[in-house]
């Protein structure tokens, strides 16, 4: 385990919180908001340094106030904010804001992409004279750009994955179930300080460490918006590793997510016990070629969707267009996704997402090909967008390892 800074002792520096709030307030002014009220766990963590239950009110000017429902001692220990007050009921929020000369706001932003409808209706009643607007895109844009401190955490998450992959040859054997191998690898990550749970923002999108898939099961679709699926252990969590025995000569895709201090790194590497069939080897060379083509072309200013269309063209040139990123109606319309504290952050390297690449963005590229008769073949790495192009945060060797 990386003991330089044990995860239990790592708190978000005050300078991080100050910079985030400052950037956030500039966008709020541009949108004509008086303030934004945050309540989702990850947004609380990002802007306050803690996710103790409550609401964080960020005004367009001045210091934010954190209204804590419980665990006040822990909130004060973890958060560098100055204004932390107790909250007994959400109904108290307008009066508490007024006491701090922060209300009543005329317009307020909330996380309408993740806020339960019942909670939204409750706040409509609490803020009867306030116009409530959706601030989710402002929040996600702010979180899209990663600081050096965040990058450092993501590099450590990538380091976990590297050490995990080095252990696969020692653990992998014919006849063991997918879930058995996954359990061994998850235990390794856990000992490295992995939090276990992989956070996502999308509705009904769930993830537990990631996907470990072997043979034709690797081409099985799931309810997750992902090119990989898997049967899982049953319909209650129908994705990822299942009870299937791992066999010789079949492709084994290990697509697990590292996590250090809340920050993620995503990586896929391929294995087999003995030589895999020639179509598998050829498909792997194709995904490597697609990844390299996109890596070279990704420069600041290039629209995200252009990278996606270039990947489709390359997949077509190589003869895999109909099996690239899924098959039929289940093909996903992206080849990459932003990540940070959540696995589905901005930007999206996909269709209809025409935002330009900018320095400070971090995203995973995951070109994958489905071979129904053989399984999933893919590669995935996490990259940081810099002034000169993409810098990989995941650095494990990319060879298709034949054991």
Protein backbone atom coordinates (compact mmCIF):
# COMPACT_ATOMS: atom_id res chain seq x y z
CA UNK A 1 0.00 0.00 0.00
CA UNK A 2 1.18 3.53 -0.74
CA UNK A 3 1.78 4.78 2.82
CA UNK A 4 3.22 8.20 1.97
CA UNK A 5 -0.21 9.67 2.60
CA UNK A 6 -2.60 7.03 3.96
CA UNK A 7 -6.09 7.48 2.42
CA UNK A 8 -7.65 7.90 5.87
CA UNK A 9 -5.51 11.01 6.44
CA UNK A 10 -5.92 12.66 3.06
CA UNK A 11 -8.10 15.75 3.07
CA UNK A 12 -8.75 18.23 0.27
CA UNK A 13 -6.33 21.17 0.73
CA UNK A 14 -7.87 24.57 1.47
CA UNK A 15 -6.18 25.99 -1.64
CA UNK A 16 -8.07 23.46 -3.77
CA UNK A 17 -11.42 24.45 -2.28
CA UNK A 18 -10.67 28.16 -2.68
CA UNK A 19 -9.73 27.78 -6.34
CA UNK A 20 -12.79 25.67 -7.10
CA UNK A 21 -15.17 28.10 -5.43
CA UNK A 22 -13.54 31.05 -7.24
CA UNK A 23 -13.86 29.41 -10.67
CA UNK A 24 -17.40 28.32 -9.87
CA UNK A 25 -18.51 31.80 -8.84
CA UNK A 26 -17.27 33.30 -12.11
CA UNK A 27 -19.52 30.97 -14.11
CA UNK A 28 -22.45 31.66 -11.78
CA UNK A 29 -22.20 35.40 -12.42
CA UNK A 30 -22.21 34.77 -16.17
CA UNK A 31 -25.42 32.76 -15.81
CA UNK A 32 -27.17 35.40 -13.69
CA UNK A 33 -27.52 33.22 -10.58
CA UNK A 34 -27.57 34.58 -7.03
CA UNK A 35 -26.26 31.30 -5.68
CA UNK A 36 -26.18 27.53 -6.03
CA UNK A 37 -27.37 25.01 -3.44
CA UNK A 38 -25.50 21.68 -3.55
CA UNK A 39 -26.57 18.46 -1.88
CA UNK A 40 -25.21 15.52 -3.90
CA UNK A 41 -22.40 13.64 -2.16
CA UNK A 42 -19.68 14.08 -4.77
CA UNK A 43 -20.48 17.75 -5.38
CA UNK A 44 -20.32 18.36 -1.64
CA UNK A 45 -16.95 16.62 -1.50
CA UNK A 46 -15.61 18.60 -4.45
CA UNK A 47 -16.63 22.04 -3.20
CA UNK A 48 -16.44 21.57 0.60
CA UNK A 49 -13.94 18.76 1.17
CA UNK A 50 -16.46 16.53 2.96
CA UNK A 51 -19.65 14.69 2.14
CA UNK A 52 -21.29 14.83 5.52
CA UNK A 53 -25.08 15.18 5.02
CA UNK A 54 -26.34 18.70 4.42
CA UNK A 55 -26.36 21.47 1.84
CA UNK A 56 -23.62 23.78 0.64
CA UNK A 57 -24.76 27.22 -0.48
CA UNK A 58 -22.32 29.00 -2.79
CA UNK A 59 -23.19 32.67 -3.41
CA UNK A 60 -21.92 34.54 -6.45
CA UNK A 61 -19.80 36.64 -4.11
CA UNK A 62 -18.35 35.98 -0.70
CA UNK A 63 -17.77 32.78 1.22
CA UNK A 64 -20.04 29.75 0.97
CA UNK A 65 -21.92 28.37 3.94
CA UNK A 66 -22.14 24.65 4.70
CA UNK A 67 -25.40 23.65 6.42
CA UNK A 68 -24.74 20.31 8.10
CA UNK A 69 -27.52 17.94 9.12
CA UNK A 70 -25.33 15.57 11.13
CA UNK A 71 -21.74 14.61 11.85
CA UNK A 72 -20.84 18.23 12.55
CA UNK A 73 -17.53 17.27 14.18
CA UNK A 74 -16.43 15.29 11.16
CA UNK A 75 -17.57 18.03 8.76
CA UNK A 76 -15.44 20.58 10.63
CA UNK A 77 -12.51 18.16 10.68
CA UNK A 78 -12.61 17.41 6.96
CA UNK A 79 -13.71 20.72 5.44
CA UNK A 80 -11.51 23.85 5.33
CA UNK A 81 -14.57 26.10 4.94
CA UNK A 82 -15.04 28.84 7.52
CA UNK A 83 -18.86 28.96 7.63
CA UNK A 84 -20.15 25.61 8.86
CA UNK A 85 -23.46 25.68 10.75
CA UNK A 86 -25.88 23.07 12.06
CA UNK A 87 -29.09 22.37 10.14
CA UNK A 88 -32.05 20.65 11.79
CA UNK A 89 -34.47 20.91 8.86
CA UNK A 90 -34.30 21.98 5.23
CA UNK A 91 -37.04 24.48 6.05
CA UNK A 92 -34.46 26.46 8.03
CA UNK A 93 -32.24 27.14 5.01
CA UNK A 94 -33.83 30.47 3.90
CA UNK A 95 -33.63 31.95 7.40
CA UNK A 96 -30.06 30.73 7.92
CA UNK A 97 -29.03 32.29 4.61
CA UNK A 98 -30.71 35.56 5.57
CA UNK A 99 -28.85 35.59 8.88
CA UNK A 100 -25.63 35.39 6.90
CA UNK A 101 -26.73 38.17 4.51
CA UNK A 102 -27.07 35.63 1.70
CA UNK A 103 -30.77 35.67 1.08
CA UNK A 104 -33.39 35.54 0.02
CA UNK A 105 -31.96 34.70 -3.44
CA UNK A 106 -34.01 35.64 -6.51
CA UNK A 107 -32.53 32.83 -8.61
CA UNK A 108 -30.88 29.71 -7.26
CA UNK A 109 -29.22 26.81 -9.06
CA UNK A 110 -29.60 23.19 -8.02
CA UNK A 111 -28.39 19.79 -9.25
CA UNK A 112 -31.52 18.95 -11.21
CA UNK A 113 -29.77 16.14 -13.08
CA UNK A 114 -29.47 14.06 -9.89
CA UNK A 115 -31.86 15.68 -7.38
CA UNK A 116 -34.85 13.42 -6.57
CA UNK A 117 -38.12 14.87 -7.81
CA UNK A 118 -39.61 14.80 -4.29
CA UNK A 119 -36.67 16.84 -2.97
CA UNK A 120 -37.02 19.33 -5.81
CA UNK A 121 -40.71 19.79 -5.04
CA UNK A 122 -39.86 20.26 -1.38
CA UNK A 123 -37.46 23.08 -2.24
CA UNK A 124 -40.00 24.63 -4.58
CA UNK A 125 -42.18 24.99 -1.50
CA UNK A 126 -39.32 26.21 0.72
CA UNK A 127 -38.12 28.85 -1.78
CA UNK A 128 -41.57 30.04 -2.88
CA UNK A 129 -40.36 33.39 -4.25
CA UNK A 130 -37.12 32.07 -5.72
CA UNK A 131 -36.66 30.81 -9.25
CA UNK A 132 -34.90 27.42 -9.22
CA UNK A 133 -32.73 26.67 -12.27
CA UNK A 134 -30.67 23.67 -13.32
CA UNK A 135 -27.02 24.25 -12.43
CA UNK A 136 -25.80 20.74 -13.21
CA UNK A 137 -23.91 21.64 -16.37
CA UNK A 138 -22.08 24.48 -14.55
CA UNK A 139 -21.06 22.06 -11.82
CA UNK A 140 -19.86 19.42 -14.26
CA UNK A 141 -17.94 21.96 -16.35
CA UNK A 142 -16.14 23.18 -13.27
CA UNK A 143 -15.22 19.64 -12.26
CA UNK A 144 -14.10 18.81 -15.81
CA UNK A 145 -10.74 20.58 -15.38
CA UNK A 146 -8.36 18.78 -13.07
CA UNK A 147 -5.78 20.49 -10.87
CA UNK A 148 -2.25 19.14 -10.28
CA UNK A 149 -3.43 17.82 -6.89
CA UNK A 150 -6.26 15.89 -8.55
CA UNK A 151 -3.92 14.55 -11.22
CA UNK A 152 -1.57 13.33 -8.49
CA UNK A 153 -4.40 11.30 -6.94
CA UNK A 154 -5.37 9.87 -10.33
CA UNK A 155 -1.78 8.85 -11.02
CA UNK A 156 -1.78 6.96 -7.73
CA UNK A 157 -5.03 5.26 -8.77
CA UNK A 158 -3.32 4.26 -12.02
CA UNK A 159 -0.36 2.94 -10.04
CA UNK A 160 -2.75 0.61 -8.20
CA UNK A 161 -3.88 -0.84 -11.52
CA UNK A 162 -0.30 -1.32 -12.66
CA UNK A 163 0.61 -3.30 -9.55
CA UNK A 164 -2.60 -5.32 -9.92
CA UNK A 165 -1.85 -6.30 -13.53
CA UNK A 166 1.63 -7.50 -12.52
CA UNK A 167 -0.06 -10.06 -10.25
CA UNK A 168 -2.36 -11.56 -12.89
CA UNK A 169 0.13 -14.19 -14.17
CA UNK A 170 0.53 -15.51 -10.63
CA UNK A 171 -3.22 -15.77 -10.03
CA UNK A 172 -4.76 -16.76 -13.36
CA UNK A 173 -5.36 -20.44 -14.03
CA UNK A 174 -7.68 -22.50 -16.21
CA UNK A 175 -10.91 -23.59 -14.54
CA UNK A 176 -11.18 -20.76 -12.04
CA UNK A 177 -14.36 -18.73 -12.26
CA UNK A 178 -14.32 -15.15 -13.52
CA UNK A 179 -15.61 -13.95 -10.16
CA UNK A 180 -12.83 -15.85 -8.37
CA UNK A 181 -10.11 -14.06 -10.32
CA UNK A 182 -11.96 -10.77 -9.95
CA UNK A 183 -12.11 -11.30 -6.18
CA UNK A 184 -8.35 -11.80 -5.96
CA UNK A 185 -7.68 -8.65 -7.99
CA UNK A 186 -10.23 -6.60 -6.07
CA UNK A 187 -8.58 -7.69 -2.82
CA UNK A 188 -5.22 -6.47 -4.14
CA UNK A 189 -6.73 -3.11 -4.99
CA UNK A 190 -8.42 -2.93 -1.61
CA UNK A 191 -5.08 -3.45 0.15
CA UNK A 192 -3.73 -0.54 -1.91
CA UNK A 193 -6.38 1.72 -0.36
CA UNK A 194 -9.15 1.40 -2.97
CA UNK A 195 -12.52 2.58 -1.62
CA UNK A 196 -14.37 -0.23 -3.41
CA UNK A 197 -17.33 1.74 -4.71
CA UNK A 198 -17.04 3.38 -8.13
CA UNK A 199 -19.22 6.48 -8.27
CA UNK A 200 -21.26 7.37 -11.36
CA UNK A 201 -23.62 10.28 -11.95
CA UNK A 202 -25.92 8.79 -14.58
CA UNK A 203 -29.32 7.52 -13.47
CA UNK A 204 -29.29 3.75 -12.80
CA UNK A 205 -25.65 3.46 -13.84
CA UNK A 206 -23.76 1.32 -11.33
CA UNK A 207 -20.23 -0.01 -11.07
CA UNK A 208 -18.35 -2.28 -8.69
CA UNK A 209 -14.62 -2.17 -9.46
CA UNK A 210 -15.27 -2.82 -13.17
CA UNK A 211 -15.58 -5.76 -15.58
CA UNK A 212 -13.55 -8.94 -15.82
CA UNK A 213 -14.83 -10.97 -18.78
CA UNK A 214 -13.66 -14.10 -20.58
CA UNK A 215 -14.52 -15.85 -23.83
CA UNK A 216 -17.89 -15.41 -25.54
CA UNK A 217 -19.39 -14.08 -22.29
CA UNK A 218 -17.37 -10.95 -22.96
CA UNK A 219 -19.71 -10.11 -25.82
CA UNK A 220 -22.85 -10.40 -23.68
CA UNK A 221 -24.67 -7.09 -23.32
CA UNK A 222 -25.77 -5.58 -20.02
CA UNK A 223 -27.96 -2.74 -18.77
CA UNK A 224 -24.89 -0.51 -18.37
CA UNK A 225 -24.23 2.18 -20.99
CA UNK A 226 -20.92 0.57 -21.90
CA UNK A 227 -19.39 -1.40 -24.79
CA UNK A 228 -18.67 -4.22 -22.32
CA UNK A 229 -21.26 -6.02 -20.25
CA UNK A 230 -21.05 -9.58 -19.03
CA UNK A 231 -23.58 -11.80 -17.32
CA UNK A 232 -22.55 -11.04 -13.78
CA UNK A 233 -23.77 -13.31 -10.99
CA UNK A 234 -27.45 -12.88 -11.79
CA UNK A 235 -30.15 -10.49 -12.95
CA UNK A 236 -29.87 -8.46 -9.73
CA UNK A 237 -26.46 -7.19 -10.91
CA UNK A 238 -26.29 -8.34 -14.51
CA UNK A 239 -22.83 -7.09 -15.46
CA UNK A 240 -19.18 -7.91 -14.95
CA UNK A 241 -17.57 -11.12 -13.74
CA UNK A 242 -19.79 -14.16 -13.39
CA UNK A 243 -19.60 -17.84 -12.50
CA UNK A 244 -18.19 -18.88 -15.88
CA UNK A 245 -14.98 -20.98 -15.71
CA UNK A 246 -12.04 -19.40 -17.52
CA UNK A 247 -10.81 -21.60 -20.36
CA UNK A 248 -7.58 -21.86 -22.31
CA UNK A 249 -7.12 -19.93 -25.57
CA UNK A 250 -9.96 -17.46 -24.97
CA UNK A 251 -9.60 -13.68 -24.58
CA UNK A 252 -9.72 -12.38 -21.02
CA UNK A 253 -10.51 -8.68 -20.64
CA UNK A 254 -9.53 -7.08 -17.32
CA UNK A 255 -11.23 -3.67 -17.22
CA UNK A 256 -11.02 -2.49 -13.61
CA UNK A 257 -11.05 1.02 -12.17
CA UNK A 258 -8.40 2.19 -9.73
CA UNK A 259 -9.41 4.64 -7.00
CA UNK A 260 -7.19 6.66 -4.68
CA UNK A 261 -8.60 9.26 -2.29
CA UNK A 262 -11.83 9.25 -4.32
CA UNK A 263 -10.15 9.79 -7.70
CA UNK A 264 -10.39 7.24 -10.49
CA UNK A 265 -8.22 5.79 -13.23
CA UNK A 266 -9.66 3.44 -15.87
CA UNK A 267 -7.64 0.77 -17.68
CA UNK A 268 -8.23 -2.37 -19.77
CA UNK A 269 -5.63 -5.07 -20.48
CA UNK A 270 -5.97 -8.39 -22.30
CA UNK A 271 -4.78 -11.89 -21.33
CA UNK A 272 -5.18 -15.49 -22.44
CA UNK A 273 -4.03 -18.90 -21.27
CA UNK A 274 -2.27 -20.16 -24.38
CA UNK A 275 -2.54 -18.66 -27.84
CA UNK A 276 -5.92 -17.04 -28.58
CA UNK A 277 -7.49 -17.54 -32.05
CA UNK A 278 -6.11 -15.45 -34.91
CA UNK A 279 -9.26 -13.26 -35.16
CA UNK A 280 -8.69 -12.20 -31.55
CA UNK A 281 -5.07 -11.27 -32.20
CA UNK A 282 -6.05 -9.33 -35.32
CA UNK A 283 -8.79 -7.46 -33.48
CA UNK A 284 -6.34 -6.51 -30.76
CA UNK A 285 -3.94 -5.02 -33.27
CA UNK A 286 -6.90 -3.06 -34.64
CA UNK A 287 -7.85 -1.52 -31.29
CA UNK A 288 -4.22 -0.60 -30.68
CA UNK A 289 -4.12 1.11 -34.08
CA UNK A 290 -7.34 3.00 -33.37
CA UNK A 291 -6.06 4.12 -29.96
CA UNK A 292 -2.77 5.33 -31.42
CA UNK A 293 -4.50 7.17 -34.26
CA UNK A 294 -6.76 9.05 -31.84
CA UNK A 295 -3.95 9.71 -29.38
CA UNK A 296 -1.90 11.43 -32.09
CA UNK A 297 -4.81 13.49 -33.40
CA UNK A 298 -6.04 14.66 -29.98
CA UNK A 299 -4.84 18.24 -29.59
CA UNK A 300 -6.26 21.30 -27.81
CA UNK A 301 -9.05 22.84 -29.89
CA UNK A 302 -10.10 19.61 -31.64
CA UNK A 303 -13.84 18.92 -31.08
CA UNK A 304 -14.51 15.85 -28.99
CA UNK A 305 -16.95 14.42 -31.51
CA UNK A 306 -14.32 14.70 -34.24
CA UNK A 307 -12.16 12.18 -32.38
CA UNK A 308 -15.14 9.84 -32.25
CA UNK A 309 -15.79 10.15 -35.98
CA UNK A 310 -12.10 9.58 -36.73
CA UNK A 311 -12.24 6.40 -34.62
CA UNK A 312 -15.26 5.19 -36.59
CA UNK A 313 -13.43 5.83 -39.87
CA UNK A 314 -10.39 3.91 -38.63
CA UNK A 315 -12.58 1.02 -37.44
CA UNK A 316 -14.25 0.93 -40.85
CA UNK A 317 -10.89 0.98 -42.66
CA UNK A 318 -9.75 -1.96 -40.56
CA UNK A 319 -12.95 -3.91 -41.22
CA UNK A 320 -14.56 -3.67 -37.77
CA UNK A 321 -17.16 -0.90 -38.13
CA UNK A 322 -20.19 -3.11 -37.35
CA UNK A 323 -18.49 -4.64 -34.30
CA UNK A 324 -16.85 -1.52 -32.91
CA UNK A 325 -18.02 -0.37 -29.45
CA UNK A 326 -20.79 -2.96 -29.46
CA UNK A 327 -23.00 -4.52 -32.11
CA UNK A 328 -26.32 -3.58 -33.71
CA UNK A 329 -28.57 -1.26 -31.75
CA UNK A 330 -26.39 -1.75 -28.68
CA UNK A 331 -23.38 0.07 -30.11
CA UNK A 332 -22.51 2.94 -27.78
CA UNK A 333 -22.00 6.35 -29.40
CA UNK A 334 -18.72 7.23 -27.73
CA UNK A 335 -15.15 5.98 -27.48
CA UNK A 336 -14.14 7.85 -24.35
CA UNK A 337 -15.45 9.42 -21.15
CA UNK A 338 -14.26 11.95 -18.64
CA UNK A 339 -13.51 10.77 -15.15
CA UNK A 340 -12.38 12.10 -11.80
CA UNK A 341 -14.46 11.57 -8.68
CA UNK A 342 -17.09 9.93 -10.91
CA UNK A 343 -16.64 7.55 -13.83
CA UNK A 344 -18.95 9.42 -16.20
CA UNK A 345 -17.69 12.98 -15.99
CA UNK A 346 -17.20 15.43 -18.85
CA UNK A 347 -15.99 15.51 -21.54
CA UNK A 348 -17.64 12.78 -23.60
CA UNK A 349 -15.58 11.68 -26.59
CA UNK A 350 -18.63 10.85 -28.60
CA UNK A 351 -21.38 11.76 -30.99
CA UNK A 352 -23.09 15.17 -30.57
CA UNK A 353 -20.46 16.37 -28.09
CA UNK A 354 -18.74 19.11 -30.03
CA UNK A 355 -16.89 20.82 -27.19
CA UNK A 356 -13.24 21.51 -27.99
CA UNK A 357 -10.50 19.67 -26.14
CA UNK A 358 -8.84 21.88 -23.52
CA UNK A 359 -5.83 21.52 -21.28
CA UNK A 360 -6.76 20.17 -17.87
CA UNK A 361 -9.33 17.69 -19.15
CA UNK A 362 -8.87 14.04 -18.18
CA UNK A 363 -10.61 11.20 -19.99
CA UNK A 364 -10.36 7.51 -20.77
CA UNK A 365 -10.18 6.23 -24.34
CA UNK A 366 -11.54 2.69 -24.72
CA UNK A 367 -11.67 1.36 -28.30
CA UNK A 368 -13.25 -2.09 -28.11
CA UNK A 369 -14.35 -4.69 -30.62
CA UNK A 370 -17.00 -7.35 -30.06
CA UNK A 371 -16.40 -10.78 -31.61
CA UNK A 372 -19.58 -12.72 -30.71
CA UNK A 373 -17.95 -16.11 -31.27
CA UNK A 374 -14.84 -15.24 -29.23
CA UNK A 375 -15.63 -12.36 -26.86
CA UNK A 376 -14.50 -8.82 -26.13
CA UNK A 377 -11.20 -7.42 -27.38
CA UNK A 378 -10.16 -3.98 -26.21
CA UNK A 379 -7.69 -1.54 -24.75
CA UNK A 380 -8.29 1.38 -22.40
CA UNK A 381 -6.11 4.09 -20.93
CA UNK A 382 -6.69 7.28 -18.95
CA UNK A 383 -5.15 10.44 -20.41
CA UNK A 384 -4.55 14.02 -19.34
CA UNK A 385 -4.99 16.71 -22.00
CA UNK A 386 -1.94 18.98 -22.05
CA UNK A 387 -0.79 21.83 -24.30
CA UNK A 388 1.14 19.36 -26.46
CA UNK A 389 -1.39 16.53 -26.57
CA UNK A 390 -2.39 13.52 -24.49
CA UNK A 391 -0.25 12.30 -21.60
CA UNK A 392 -1.14 8.81 -20.30
CA UNK A 393 -1.83 8.42 -16.59
CA UNK A 394 -2.13 4.63 -16.94
CA UNK A 395 1.22 3.26 -18.04
CA UNK A 396 0.99 -0.54 -17.76
CA UNK A 397 2.44 -2.39 -20.75
CA UNK A 398 -0.11 -2.89 -23.50
CA UNK A 399 0.97 -6.32 -24.79
CA UNK A 400 -1.71 -8.96 -25.13
CA UNK A 401 -0.26 -11.23 -22.45
CA UNK A 402 -0.30 -14.91 -23.37
CA UNK A 403 0.43 -17.07 -20.34
